[in-house]
Amino acid sequence: MKTLFTSLLLLAFTVGQAMNVAIDSSDKNKANTSTTPASSPVSMQQLQEENARLKAQLVAVENKQDEERGTLQFKYTMHKMLSLLEQARVSDKMQDLESKASFNGLMGNTLILLQTQKTVAK
């Protein structure tokens, strides 16, 4: 259940981040397209400048994506490690409880055997 909840939370976080990037990029695109009217002639230099600017934006988005991917990978690794540690702790606790139950059973059987020998000896 905990894994399912964590997975859903991670999915929601990823989708939220993707939506923010898409909204940011669409806002920038709207601002960029409004600066050059469609009816005005565009020079080659303007096209090259806009192309360079768009490439820079693309590189920035790719860098942010790589950073987010790294962050998510780190969070996943930490979650996995903490899950394994929790499983090891639970397993150790279970072994401890099983050994205590076994010891108590052994001591109980020993006491019963001693009491039966004591009553037989009388």
PDB file of N, CA and C in Angstrom:
ATOM      1  N   MET A   1       0.835  -1.186   0.000  1.00  0.00           N
ATOM      2  CA  MET A   1       0.000   0.000   0.000  1.00  0.00           C
ATOM      3  C   MET A   1       0.873   1.240   0.000  1.00  0.00           C
ATOM      4  N   LYS A   2       1.938   1.204   0.816  1.00  0.00           N
ATOM      5  CA  LYS A   2       2.841   2.341   0.914  1.00  0.00           C
ATOM      6  C   LYS A   2       3.549   2.560  -0.417  1.00  0.00           C
ATOM      7  N   THR A   3       3.934   1.473  -1.079  1.00  0.00           N
ATOM      8  CA  THR A   3       4.608   1.577  -2.373  1.00  0.00           C
ATOM      9  C   THR A   3       3.665   2.148  -3.416  1.00  0.00           C
ATOM     10  N   LEU A   4       2.409   1.718  -3.395  1.00  0.00           N
ATOM     11  CA  LEU A   4       1.425   2.218  -4.343  1.00  0.00           C
ATOM     12  C   LEU A   4       1.207   3.713  -4.144  1.00  0.00           C
ATOM     13  N   PHE A   5       1.056   4.133  -2.894  1.00  0.00           N
ATOM     14  CA  PHE A   5       0.862   5.549  -2.596  1.00  0.00           C
ATOM     15  C   PHE A   5       2.070   6.362  -3.033  1.00  0.00           C
ATOM     16  N   THR A   6       3.268   5.866  -2.756  1.00  0.00           N
ATOM     17  CA  THR A   6       4.492   6.575  -3.147  1.00  0.00           C
ATOM     18  C   THR A   6       4.598   6.661  -4.660  1.00  0.00           C
ATOM     19  N   SER A   7       4.259   5.589  -5.352  1.00  0.00           N
ATOM     20  CA  SER A   7       4.303   5.598  -6.814  1.00  0.00           C
ATOM     21  C   SER A   7       3.323   6.606  -7.391  1.00  0.00           C
ATOM     22  N   LEU A   8       2.115   6.642  -6.837  1.00  0.00           N
ATOM     23  CA  LEU A   8       1.127   7.607  -7.311  1.00  0.00           C
ATOM     24  C   LEU A   8       1.569   9.034  -7.031  1.00  0.00           C
ATOM     25  N   LEU A   9       2.172   9.255  -5.876  1.00  0.00           N
ATOM     26  CA  LEU A   9       2.671  10.581  -5.534  1.00  0.00           C
ATOM     27  C   LEU A   9       3.790  10.987  -6.477  1.00  0.00           C
ATOM     28  N   LEU A  10       4.674  10.076  -6.792  1.00  0.00           N
ATOM     29  CA  LEU A  10       5.767  10.349  -7.722  1.00  0.00           C
ATOM     30  C   LEU A  10       5.225  10.651  -9.108  1.00  0.00           C
ATOM     31  N   LEU A  11       4.225   9.905  -9.549  1.00  0.00           N
ATOM     32  CA  LEU A  11       3.614  10.142 -10.844  1.00  0.00           C
ATOM     33  C   LEU A  11       2.951  11.519 -10.884  1.00  0.00           C
ATOM     34  N   ALA A  12       2.228  11.858  -9.832  1.00  0.00           N
ATOM     35  CA  ALA A  12       1.577  13.166  -9.779  1.00  0.00           C
ATOM     36  C   ALA A  12       2.608  14.292  -9.792  1.00  0.00           C
ATOM     37  N   PHE A  13       3.693  14.118  -9.069  1.00  0.00           N
ATOM     38  CA  PHE A  13       4.757  15.122  -9.047  1.00  0.00           C
ATOM     39  C   PHE A  13       5.373  15.290 -10.427  1.00  0.00           C
ATOM     40  N   THR A  14       5.638  14.179 -11.106  1.00  0.00           N
ATOM     41  CA  THR A  14       6.235  14.227 -12.439  1.00  0.00           C
ATOM     42  C   THR A  14       5.303  14.908 -13.428  1.00  0.00           C
ATOM     43  N   VAL A  15       4.026  14.555 -13.382  1.00  0.00           N
ATOM     44  CA  VAL A  15       3.054  15.175 -14.288  1.00  0.00           C
ATOM     45  C   VAL A  15       2.944  16.665 -13.992  1.00  0.00           C
ATOM     46  N   GLY A  16       2.940  17.028 -12.723  1.00  0.00           N
ATOM     47  CA  GLY A  16       2.873  18.438 -12.344  1.00  0.00           C
ATOM     48  C   GLY A  16       4.062  19.217 -12.868  1.00  0.00           C
ATOM     49  N   GLN A  17       5.245  18.633 -12.753  1.00  0.00           N
ATOM     50  CA  GLN A  17       6.439  19.296 -13.268  1.00  0.00           C
ATOM     51  C   GLN A  17       6.373  19.427 -14.780  1.00  0.00           C
ATOM     52  N   ALA A  18       5.899  18.406 -15.456  1.00  0.00           N
ATOM     53  CA  ALA A  18       5.785  18.452 -16.910  1.00  0.00           C
ATOM     54  C   ALA A  18       4.778  19.516 -17.335  1.00  0.00           C
ATOM     55  N   MET A  19       3.693  19.623 -16.596  1.00  0.00           N
ATOM     56  CA  MET A  19       2.688  20.640 -16.921  1.00  0.00           C
ATOM     57  C   MET A  19       3.265  22.038 -16.742  1.00  0.00           C
ATOM     58  N   ASN A  20       4.055  22.251 -15.677  1.00  0.00           N
ATOM     59  CA  ASN A  20       4.670  23.558 -15.451  1.00  0.00           C
ATOM     60  C   ASN A  20       5.633  23.916 -16.569  1.00  0.00           C
ATOM     61  N   VAL A  21       6.424  22.959 -17.012  1.00  0.00           N
ATOM     62  CA  VAL A  21       7.373  23.209 -18.108  1.00  0.00           C
ATOM     63  C   VAL A  21       6.615  23.523 -19.382  1.00  0.00           C
ATOM     64  N   ALA A  22       5.535  22.777 -19.662  1.00  0.00           N
ATOM     65  CA  ALA A  22       4.752  23.012 -20.867  1.00  0.00           C
ATOM     66  C   ALA A  22       4.086  24.387 -20.828  1.00  0.00           C
ATOM     67  N   ILE A  23       3.563  24.768 -19.671  1.00  0.00           N
ATOM     68  CA  ILE A  23       2.920  26.078 -19.536  1.00  0.00           C
ATOM     69  C   ILE A  23       3.954  27.181 -19.694  1.00  0.00           C
ATOM     70  N   ASP A  24       5.109  27.030 -19.038  1.00  0.00           N
ATOM     71  CA  ASP A  24       6.161  28.032 -19.156  1.00  0.00           C
ATOM     72  C   ASP A  24       6.617  28.182 -20.595  1.00  0.00           C
ATOM     73  N   SER A  25       6.823  27.077 -21.279  1.00  0.00           N
ATOM     74  CA  SER A  25       7.312  27.142 -22.650  1.00  0.00           C
ATOM     75  C   SER A  25       6.246  27.711 -23.576  1.00  0.00           C
ATOM     76  N   SER A  26       4.963  27.394 -23.323  1.00  0.00           N
ATOM     77  CA  SER A  26       3.921  27.951 -24.183  1.00  0.00           C
ATOM     78  C   SER A  26       3.776  29.445 -23.952  1.00  0.00           C
ATOM     79  N   ASP A  27       3.956  29.908 -22.708  1.00  0.00           N
ATOM     80  CA  ASP A  27       3.916  31.344 -22.435  1.00  0.00           C
ATOM     81  C   ASP A  27       5.064  32.060 -23.132  1.00  0.00           C
ATOM     82  N   LYS A  28       6.245  31.459 -23.108  1.00  0.00           N
ATOM     83  CA  LYS A  28       7.395  32.067 -23.777  1.00  0.00           C
ATOM     84  C   LYS A  28       7.186  32.096 -25.284  1.00  0.00           C
ATOM     85  N   ASN A  29       6.609  31.021 -25.821  1.00  0.00           N
ATOM     86  CA  ASN A  29       6.358  30.975 -27.259  1.00  0.00           C
ATOM     87  C   ASN A  29       5.344  32.032 -27.666  1.00  0.00           C
ATOM     88  N   LYS A  30       4.312  32.242 -26.847  1.00  0.00           N
ATOM     89  CA  LYS A  30       3.325  33.268 -27.144  1.00  0.00           C
ATOM     90  C   LYS A  30       3.969  34.645 -27.132  1.00  0.00           C
ATOM     91  N   ALA A  31       4.836  34.874 -26.150  1.00  0.00           N
ATOM     92  CA  ALA A  31       5.515  36.166 -26.069  1.00  0.00           C
ATOM     93  C   ALA A  31       6.450  36.353 -27.248  1.00  0.00           C
ATOM     94  N   ASN A  32       7.116  35.312 -27.663  1.00  0.00           N
ATOM     95  CA  ASN A  32       8.073  35.404 -28.758  1.00  0.00           C
ATOM     96  C   ASN A  32       7.376  35.617 -30.095  1.00  0.00           C
ATOM     97  N   THR A  33       6.271  34.953 -30.314  1.00  0.00           N
ATOM     98  CA  THR A  33       5.586  35.091 -31.604  1.00  0.00           C
ATOM     99  C   THR A  33       4.902  36.432 -31.720  1.00  0.00           C
ATOM    100  N   SER A  34       4.547  37.036 -30.612  1.00  0.00           N
ATOM    101  CA  SER A  34       3.869  38.323 -30.687  1.00  0.00           C
ATOM    102  C   SER A  34       4.833  39.444 -31.032  1.00  0.00           C
ATOM    103  N   THR A  35       6.131  39.235 -30.872  1.00  0.00           N
ATOM    104  CA  THR A  35       7.087  40.307 -31.168  1.00  0.00           C
ATOM    105  C   THR A  35       7.297  40.481 -32.664  1.00  0.00           C
ATOM    106  N   THR A  36       7.088  39.448 -33.473  1.00  0.00           N
ATOM    107  CA  THR A  36       7.286  39.567 -34.916  1.00  0.00           C
ATOM    108  C   THR A  36       5.948  39.362 -35.609  1.00  0.00           C
ATOM    109  N   PRO A  37       5.376  40.404 -36.170  1.00  0.00           N
ATOM    110  CA  PRO A  37       4.097  40.240 -36.876  1.00  0.00           C
ATOM    111  C   PRO A  37       4.264  39.344 -38.090  1.00  0.00           C
ATOM    112  N   ALA A  38       3.198  38.630 -38.442  1.00  0.00           N
ATOM    113  CA  ALA A  38       3.259  37.680 -39.548  1.00  0.00           C
ATOM    114  C   ALA A  38       3.373  38.380 -40.899  1.00  0.00           C
ATOM    115  N   SER A  39       2.871  39.586 -41.008  1.00  0.00           N
ATOM    116  CA  SER A  39       2.870  40.270 -42.301  1.00  0.00           C
ATOM    117  C   SER A  39       4.184  40.992 -42.605  1.00  0.00           C
ATOM    118  N   SER A  40       5.021  41.228 -41.587  1.00  0.00           N
ATOM    119  CA  SER A  40       6.270  41.957 -41.841  1.00  0.00           C
ATOM    120  C   SER A  40       7.326  41.018 -42.404  1.00  0.00           C
ATOM    121  N   PRO A  41       8.160  41.507 -43.291  1.00  0.00           N
ATOM    122  CA  PRO A  41       9.233  40.666 -43.831  1.00  0.00           C
ATOM    123  C   PRO A  41      10.303  40.423 -42.768  1.00  0.00           C
ATOM    124  N   VAL A  42      10.809  39.211 -42.759  1.00  0.00           N
ATOM    125  CA  VAL A  42      11.801  38.828 -41.753  1.00  0.00           C
ATOM    126  C   VAL A  42      13.125  38.583 -42.467  1.00  0.00           C
ATOM    127  N   SER A  43      14.167  39.191 -41.920  1.00  0.00           N
ATOM    128  CA  SER A  43      15.480  39.029 -42.541  1.00  0.00           C
ATOM    129  C   SER A  43      16.121  37.717 -42.081  1.00  0.00           C
ATOM    130  N   MET A  44      17.118  37.294 -42.789  1.00  0.00           N
ATOM    131  CA  MET A  44      17.843  36.064 -42.465  1.00  0.00           C
ATOM    132  C   MET A  44      18.513  36.199 -41.102  1.00  0.00           C
ATOM    133  N   GLN A  45      19.032  37.370 -40.797  1.00  0.00           N
ATOM    134  CA  GLN A  45      19.700  37.594 -39.518  1.00  0.00           C
ATOM    135  C   GLN A  45      18.699  37.438 -38.366  1.00  0.00           C
ATOM    136  N   GLN A  46      17.477  37.953 -38.541  1.00  0.00           N
ATOM    137  CA  GLN A  46      16.460  37.818 -37.502  1.00  0.00           C
ATOM    138  C   GLN A  46      16.102  36.347 -37.298  1.00  0.00           C
ATOM    139  N   LEU A  47      15.990  35.624 -38.395  1.00  0.00           N
ATOM    140  CA  LEU A  47      15.687  34.196 -38.292  1.00  0.00           C
ATOM    141  C   LEU A  47      16.800  33.447 -37.565  1.00  0.00           C
ATOM    142  N   GLN A  48      18.043  33.786 -37.872  1.00  0.00           N
ATOM    143  CA  GLN A  48      19.180  33.137 -37.215  1.00  0.00           C
ATOM    144  C   GLN A  48      19.219  33.475 -35.732  1.00  0.00           C
ATOM    145  N   GLU A  49      18.926  34.728 -35.394  1.00  0.00           N
ATOM    146  CA  GLU A  49      18.903  35.132 -33.984  1.00  0.00           C
ATOM    147  C   GLU A  49      17.797  34.394 -33.228  1.00  0.00           C
ATOM    148  N   GLU A  50      16.612  34.331 -33.863  1.00  0.00           N
ATOM    149  CA  GLU A  50      15.506  33.628 -33.217  1.00  0.00           C
ATOM    150  C   GLU A  50      15.808  32.138 -33.096  1.00  0.00           C
ATOM    151  N   ASN A  51      16.418  31.569 -34.118  1.00  0.00           N
ATOM    152  CA  ASN A  51      16.815  30.166 -34.077  1.00  0.00           C
ATOM    153  C   ASN A  51      17.808  29.918 -32.946  1.00  0.00           C
ATOM    154  N   ALA A  52      18.795  30.800 -32.811  1.00  0.00           N
ATOM    155  CA  ALA A  52      19.786  30.658 -31.735  1.00  0.00           C
ATOM    156  C   ALA A  52      19.122  30.777 -30.364  1.00  0.00           C
ATOM    157  N   ARG A  53      18.166  31.718 -30.254  1.00  0.00           N
ATOM    158  CA  ARG A  53      17.469  31.913 -28.982  1.00  0.00           C
ATOM    159  C   ARG A  53      16.627  30.671 -28.655  1.00  0.00           C
ATOM    160  N   LEU A  54      15.951  30.133 -29.658  1.00  0.00           N
ATOM    161  CA  LEU A  54      15.143  28.930 -29.441  1.00  0.00           C
ATOM    162  C   LEU A  54      16.014  27.730 -29.077  1.00  0.00           C
ATOM    163  N   LYS A  55      17.179  27.622 -29.713  1.00  0.00           N
ATOM    164  CA  LYS A  55      18.100  26.535 -29.352  1.00  0.00           C
ATOM    165  C   LYS A  55      18.568  26.682 -27.911  1.00  0.00           C
ATOM    166  N   ALA A  56      18.838  27.934 -27.493  1.00  0.00           N
ATOM    167  CA  ALA A  56      19.254  28.162 -26.106  1.00  0.00           C
ATOM    168  C   ALA A  56      18.140  27.779 -25.141  1.00  0.00           C
ATOM    169  N   GLN A  57      16.898  28.106 -25.492  1.00  0.00           N
ATOM    170  CA  GLN A  57      15.767  27.715 -24.649  1.00  0.00           C
ATOM    171  C   GLN A  57      15.638  26.197 -24.585  1.00  0.00           C
ATOM    172  N   LEU A  58      15.831  25.552 -25.728  1.00  0.00           N
ATOM    173  CA  LEU A  58      15.754  24.091 -25.770  1.00  0.00           C
ATOM    174  C   LEU A  58      16.830  23.466 -24.889  1.00  0.00           C
ATOM    175  N   VAL A  59      18.032  23.994 -24.938  1.00  0.00           N
ATOM    176  CA  VAL A  59      19.119  23.484 -24.100  1.00  0.00           C
ATOM    177  C   VAL A  59      18.787  23.693 -22.625  1.00  0.00           C
ATOM    178  N   ALA A  60      18.204  24.866 -22.298  1.00  0.00           N
ATOM    179  CA  ALA A  60      17.828  25.131 -20.907  1.00  0.00           C
ATOM    180  C   ALA A  60      16.769  24.136 -20.427  1.00  0.00           C
ATOM    181  N   VAL A  61      15.795  23.843 -21.283  1.00  0.00           N
ATOM    182  CA  VAL A  61      14.746  22.883 -20.914  1.00  0.00           C
ATOM    183  C   VAL A  61      15.338  21.485 -20.761  1.00  0.00           C
ATOM    184  N   GLU A  62      16.247  21.120 -21.651  1.00  0.00           N
ATOM    185  CA  GLU A  62      16.882  19.804 -21.544  1.00  0.00           C
ATOM    186  C   GLU A  62      17.710  19.704 -20.266  1.00  0.00           C
ATOM    187  N   ASN A  63      18.407  20.784 -19.918  1.00  0.00           N
ATOM    188  CA  ASN A  63      19.192  20.783 -18.676  1.00  0.00           C
ATOM    189  C   ASN A  63      18.283  20.649 -17.462  1.00  0.00           C
ATOM    190  N   LYS A  64      17.165  21.365 -17.489  1.00  0.00           N
ATOM    191  CA  LYS A  64      16.220  21.261 -16.373  1.00  0.00           C
ATOM    192  C   LYS A  64      15.646  19.849 -16.291  1.00  0.00           C
ATOM    193  N   GLN A  65      15.360  19.255 -17.456  1.00  0.00           N
ATOM    194  CA  GLN A  65      14.846  17.884 -17.482  1.00  0.00           C
ATOM    195  C   GLN A  65      15.874  16.917 -16.902  1.00  0.00           C
ATOM    196  N   ASP A  66      17.129  17.079 -17.275  1.00  0.00           N
ATOM    197  CA  ASP A  66      18.185  16.213 -16.732  1.00  0.00           C
ATOM    198  C   ASP A  66      18.301  16.385 -15.226  1.00  0.00           C
ATOM    199  N   GLU A  67      18.190  17.631 -14.769  1.00  0.00           N
ATOM    200  CA  GLU A  67      18.270  17.897 -13.330  1.00  0.00           C
ATOM    201  C   GLU A  67      17.101  17.241 -12.595  1.00  0.00           C
ATOM    202  N   GLU A  68      15.896  17.376 -13.142  1.00  0.00           N
ATOM    203  CA  GLU A  68      14.717  16.757 -12.520  1.00  0.00           C
ATOM    204  C   GLU A  68      14.832  15.239 -12.537  1.00  0.00           C
ATOM    205  N   ARG A  69      15.327  14.700 -13.647  1.00  0.00           N
ATOM    206  CA  ARG A  69      15.503  13.247 -13.745  1.00  0.00           C
ATOM    207  C   ARG A  69      16.489  12.773 -12.671  1.00  0.00           C
ATOM    208  N   GLY A  70      17.576  13.515 -12.493  1.00  0.00           N
ATOM    209  CA  GLY A  70      18.546  13.157 -11.459  1.00  0.00           C
ATOM    210  C   GLY A  70      17.945  13.225 -10.072  1.00  0.00           C
ATOM    211  N   THR A  71      17.142  14.270  -9.827  1.00  0.00           N
ATOM    212  CA  THR A  71      16.489  14.407  -8.527  1.00  0.00           C
ATOM    213  C   THR A  71      15.536  13.241  -8.273  1.00  0.00           C
ATOM    214  N   LEU A  72      14.750  12.905  -9.283  1.00  0.00           N
ATOM    215  CA  LEU A  72      13.817  11.785  -9.129  1.00  0.00           C
ATOM    216  C   LEU A  72      14.551  10.463  -8.940  1.00  0.00           C
ATOM    217  N   GLN A  73      15.649  10.284  -9.649  1.00  0.00           N
ATOM    218  CA  GLN A  73      16.436   9.056  -9.494  1.00  0.00           C
ATOM    219  C   GLN A  73      17.008   8.968  -8.082  1.00  0.00           C
ATOM    220  N   PHE A  74      17.473  10.105  -7.555  1.00  0.00           N
ATOM    221  CA  PHE A  74      18.002  10.134  -6.190  1.00  0.00           C
ATOM    222  C   PHE A  74      16.895   9.805  -5.187  1.00  0.00           C
ATOM    223  N   LYS A  75      15.724  10.416  -5.368  1.00  0.00           N
ATOM    224  CA  LYS A  75      14.608  10.137  -4.458  1.00  0.00           C
ATOM    225  C   LYS A  75      14.198   8.669  -4.529  1.00  0.00           C
ATOM    226  N   TYR A  76      14.174   8.109  -5.737  1.00  0.00           N
ATOM    227  CA  TYR A  76      13.832   6.706  -5.896  1.00  0.00           C
ATOM    228  C   TYR A  76      14.857   5.821  -5.186  1.00  0.00           C
ATOM    229  N   THR A  77      16.140   6.145  -5.349  1.00  0.00           N
ATOM    230  CA  THR A  77      17.198   5.364  -4.708  1.00  0.00           C
ATOM    231  C   THR A  77      17.068   5.428  -3.186  1.00  0.00           C
ATOM    232  N   MET A  78      16.825   6.635  -2.659  1.00  0.00           N
ATOM    233  CA  MET A  78      16.672   6.784  -1.210  1.00  0.00           C
ATOM    234  C   MET A  78      15.446   6.020  -0.721  1.00  0.00           C
ATOM    235  N   HIS A  79      14.354   6.085  -1.462  1.00  0.00           N
ATOM    236  CA  HIS A  79      13.143   5.352  -1.075  1.00  0.00           C
ATOM    237  C   HIS A  79      13.410   3.850  -1.065  1.00  0.00           C
ATOM    238  N   LYS A  80      14.087   3.370  -2.095  1.00  0.00           N
ATOM    239  CA  LYS A  80      14.401   1.946  -2.190  1.00  0.00           C
ATOM    240  C   LYS A  80      15.295   1.516  -1.024  1.00  0.00           C
ATOM    241  N   MET A  81      16.314   2.348  -0.716  1.00  0.00           N
ATOM    242  CA  MET A  81      17.232   2.020   0.372  1.00  0.00           C
ATOM    243  C   MET A  81      16.487   1.997   1.713  1.00  0.00           C
ATOM    244  N   LEU A  82      15.633   2.998   1.943  1.00  0.00           N
ATOM    245  CA  LEU A  82      14.884   3.039   3.194  1.00  0.00           C
ATOM    246  C   LEU A  82      13.905   1.864   3.294  1.00  0.00           C
ATOM    247  N   SER A  83      13.327   1.469   2.171  1.00  0.00           N
ATOM    248  CA  SER A  83      12.436   0.305   2.180  1.00  0.00           C
ATOM    249  C   SER A  83      13.203  -0.959   2.541  1.00  0.00           C
ATOM    250  N   LEU A  84      14.389  -1.119   1.970  1.00  0.00           N
ATOM    251  CA  LEU A  84      15.202  -2.294   2.288  1.00  0.00           C
ATOM    252  C   LEU A  84      15.631  -2.291   3.747  1.00  0.00           C
ATOM    253  N   LEU A  85      15.991  -1.129   4.271  1.00  0.00           N
ATOM    254  CA  LEU A  85      16.366  -1.044   5.688  1.00  0.00           C
ATOM    255  C   LEU A  85      15.180  -1.374   6.588  1.00  0.00           C
ATOM    256  N   GLU A  86      13.996  -0.893   6.217  1.00  0.00           N
ATOM    257  CA  GLU A  86      12.800  -1.187   7.002  1.00  0.00           C
ATOM    258  C   GLU A  86      12.492  -2.682   6.963  1.00  0.00           C
ATOM    259  N   GLN A  87      12.625  -3.306   5.801  1.00  0.00           N
ATOM    260  CA  GLN A  87      12.404  -4.747   5.694  1.00  0.00           C
ATOM    261  C   GLN A  87      13.411  -5.514   6.537  1.00  0.00           C
ATOM    262  N   ALA A  88      14.670  -5.073   6.545  1.00  0.00           N
ATOM    263  CA  ALA A  88      15.688  -5.744   7.354  1.00  0.00           C
ATOM    264  C   ALA A  88      15.374  -5.596   8.834  1.00  0.00           C
ATOM    265  N   ARG A  89      14.913  -4.407   9.230  1.00  0.00           N
ATOM    266  CA  ARG A  89      14.567  -4.171  10.636  1.00  0.00           C
ATOM    267  C   ARG A  89      13.394  -5.068  11.045  1.00  0.00           C
ATOM    268  N   VAL A  90      12.389  -5.146  10.208  1.00  0.00           N
ATOM    269  CA  VAL A  90      11.226  -5.989  10.512  1.00  0.00           C
ATOM    270  C   VAL A  90      11.640  -7.459  10.567  1.00  0.00           C
ATOM    271  N   SER A  91      12.492  -7.876   9.651  1.00  0.00           N
ATOM    272  CA  SER A  91      12.966  -9.264   9.640  1.00  0.00           C
ATOM    273  C   SER A  91      13.753  -9.580  10.911  1.00  0.00           C
ATOM    274  N   ASP A  92      14.624  -8.669  11.322  1.00  0.00           N
ATOM    275  CA  ASP A  92      15.384  -8.878  12.565  1.00  0.00           C
ATOM    276  C   ASP A  92      14.451  -8.957  13.768  1.00  0.00           C
ATOM    277  N   LYS A  93      13.462  -8.079  13.801  1.00  0.00           N
ATOM    278  CA  LYS A  93      12.511  -8.085  14.914  1.00  0.00           C
ATOM    279  C   LYS A  93      11.728  -9.401  14.935  1.00  0.00           C
ATOM    280  N   MET A  94      11.348  -9.888  13.762  1.00  0.00           N
ATOM    281  CA  MET A  94      10.611 -11.144  13.669  1.00  0.00           C
ATOM    282  C   MET A  94      11.468 -12.316  14.148  1.00  0.00           C
ATOM    283  N   GLN A  95      12.732 -12.345  13.745  1.00  0.00           N
ATOM    284  CA  GLN A  95      13.635 -13.412  14.201  1.00  0.00           C
ATOM    285  C   GLN A  95      13.810 -13.351  15.708  1.00  0.00           C
ATOM    286  N   ASP A  96      13.915 -12.150  16.246  1.00  0.00           N
ATOM    287  CA  ASP A  96      14.069 -11.986  17.687  1.00  0.00           C
ATOM    288  C   ASP A  96      12.832 -12.510  18.420  1.00  0.00           C
ATOM    289  N   LEU A  97      11.649 -12.152  17.910  1.00  0.00           N
ATOM    290  CA  LEU A  97      10.420 -12.622  18.545  1.00  0.00           C
ATOM    291  C   LEU A  97      10.267 -14.137  18.435  1.00  0.00           C
ATOM    292  N   GLU A  98      10.653 -14.696  17.297  1.00  0.00           N
ATOM    293  CA  GLU A  98      10.577 -16.149  17.124  1.00  0.00           C
ATOM    294  C   GLU A  98      11.537 -16.863  18.070  1.00  0.00           C
ATOM    295  N   SER A  99      12.725 -16.302  18.249  1.00  0.00           N
ATOM    296  CA  SER A  99      13.687 -16.938  19.168  1.00  0.00           C
ATOM    297  C   SER A  99      13.199 -16.836  20.611  1.00  0.00           C
ATOM    298  N   LYS A 100      12.576 -15.709  20.980  1.00  0.00           N
ATOM    299  CA  LYS A 100      12.017 -15.576  22.328  1.00  0.00           C
ATOM    300  C   LYS A 100      10.881 -16.566  22.544  1.00  0.00           C
ATOM    301  N   ALA A 101      10.022 -16.726  21.535  1.00  0.00           N
ATOM    302  CA  ALA A 101       8.913 -17.682  21.655  1.00  0.00           C
ATOM    303  C   ALA A 101       9.452 -19.098  21.781  1.00  0.00           C
ATOM    304  N   SER A 102      10.478 -19.418  21.013  1.00  0.00           N
ATOM    305  CA  SER A 102      11.082 -20.752  21.096  1.00  0.00           C
ATOM    306  C   SER A 102      11.696 -20.977  22.470  1.00  0.00           C
ATOM    307  N   PHE A 103      12.398 -19.974  22.992  1.00  0.00           N
ATOM    308  CA  PHE A 103      13.018 -20.084  24.315  1.00  0.00           C
ATOM    309  C   PHE A 103      11.951 -20.252  25.392  1.00  0.00           C
ATOM    310  N   ASN A 104      10.879 -19.451  25.305  1.00  0.00           N
ATOM    311  CA  ASN A 104       9.811 -19.557  26.301  1.00  0.00           C
ATOM    312  C   ASN A 104       9.137 -20.930  26.247  1.00  0.00           C
ATOM    313  N   GLY A 105       8.955 -21.442  25.038  1.00  0.00           N
ATOM    314  CA  GLY A 105       8.378 -22.792  24.907  1.00  0.00           C
ATOM    315  C   GLY A 105       9.288 -23.843  25.515  1.00  0.00           C
ATOM    316  N   LEU A 106      10.585 -23.723  25.281  1.00  0.00           N
ATOM    317  CA  LEU A 106      11.557 -24.664  25.829  1.00  0.00           C
ATOM    318  C   LEU A 106      11.557 -24.601  27.353  1.00  0.00           C
ATOM    319  N   MET A 107      11.553 -23.386  27.902  1.00  0.00           N
ATOM    320  CA  MET A 107      11.536 -23.238  29.360  1.00  0.00           C
ATOM    321  C   MET A 107      10.234 -23.772  29.951  1.00  0.00           C
ATOM    322  N   GLY A 108       9.128 -23.523  29.257  1.00  0.00           N
ATOM    323  CA  GLY A 108       7.839 -24.053  29.732  1.00  0.00           C
ATOM    324  C   GLY A 108       7.840 -25.570  29.748  1.00  0.00           C
ATOM    325  N   ASN A 109       8.349 -26.190  28.698  1.00  0.00           N
ATOM    326  CA  ASN A 109       8.432 -27.650  28.646  1.00  0.00           C
ATOM    327  C   ASN A 109       9.364 -28.184  29.726  1.00  0.00           C
ATOM    328  N   THR A 110      10.470 -27.472  29.985  1.00  0.00           N
ATOM    329  CA  THR A 110      11.411 -27.884  31.029  1.00  0.00           C
ATOM    330  C   THR A 110      10.743 -27.832  32.404  1.00  0.00           C
ATOM    331  N   LEU A 111       9.996 -26.753  32.666  1.00  0.00           N
ATOM    332  CA  LEU A 111       9.299 -26.643  33.959  1.00  0.00           C
ATOM    333  C   LEU A 111       8.254 -27.741  34.121  1.00  0.00           C
ATOM    334  N   ILE A 112       7.527 -28.035  33.065  1.00  0.00           N
ATOM    335  CA  ILE A 112       6.528 -29.109  33.127  1.00  0.00           C
ATOM    336  C   ILE A 112       7.219 -30.444  33.392  1.00  0.00           C
ATOM    337  N   LEU A 113       8.343 -30.691  32.740  1.00  0.00           N
ATOM    338  CA  LEU A 113       9.071 -31.939  32.947  1.00  0.00           C
ATOM    339  C   LEU A 113       9.584 -32.029  34.376  1.00  0.00           C
ATOM    340  N   LEU A 114      10.086 -30.921  34.911  1.00  0.00           N
ATOM    341  CA  LEU A 114      10.586 -30.917  36.305  1.00  0.00           C
ATOM    342  C   LEU A 114       9.447 -31.161  37.287  1.00  0.00           C
ATOM    343  N   GLN A 115       8.287 -30.528  37.020  1.00  0.00           N
ATOM    344  CA  GLN A 115       7.162 -30.729  37.924  1.00  0.00           C
ATOM    345  C   GLN A 115       6.641 -32.162  37.886  1.00  0.00           C
ATOM    346  N   THR A 116       6.624 -32.757  36.713  1.00  0.00           N
ATOM    347  CA  THR A 116       6.153 -34.137  36.617  1.00  0.00           C
ATOM    348  C   THR A 116       7.133 -35.085  37.287  1.00  0.00           C
ATOM    349  N   GLN A 117       8.428 -34.838  37.175  1.00  0.00           N
ATOM    350  CA  GLN A 117       9.416 -35.671  37.830  1.00  0.00           C
ATOM    351  C   GLN A 117       9.343 -35.503  39.328  1.00  0.00           C
ATOM    352  N   LYS A 118       9.032 -34.316  39.789  1.00  0.00           N
ATOM    353  CA  LYS A 118       8.956 -34.054  41.209  1.00  0.00           C
ATOM    354  C   LYS A 118       7.725 -34.778  41.805  1.00  0.00           C
ATOM    355  N   THR A 119       6.616 -34.756  41.090  1.00  0.00           N
ATOM    356  CA  THR A 119       5.419 -35.427  41.594  1.00  0.00           C
ATOM    357  C   THR A 119       5.556 -36.945  41.520  1.00  0.00           C
ATOM    358  N   VAL A 120       6.274 -37.462  40.542  1.00  0.00           N
ATOM    359  CA  VAL A 120       6.490 -38.896  40.423  1.00  0.00           C
ATOM    360  C   VAL A 120       7.433 -39.369  41.510  1.00  0.00           C
ATOM    361  N   ALA A 121       8.408 -38.556  41.878  1.00  0.00           N
ATOM    362  CA  ALA A 121       9.388 -38.939  42.895  1.00  0.00           C
ATOM    363  C   ALA A 121       8.751 -38.994  44.273  1.00  0.00           C
ATOM    364  N   LYS A 122       7.677 -38.309  44.522  1.00  0.00           N
ATOM    365  CA  LYS A 122       7.055 -38.319  45.850  1.00  0.00           C
ATOM    366  C   LYS A 122       6.280 -39.536  46.029  1.00  0.00           C
TER     367      LYS A 122
END
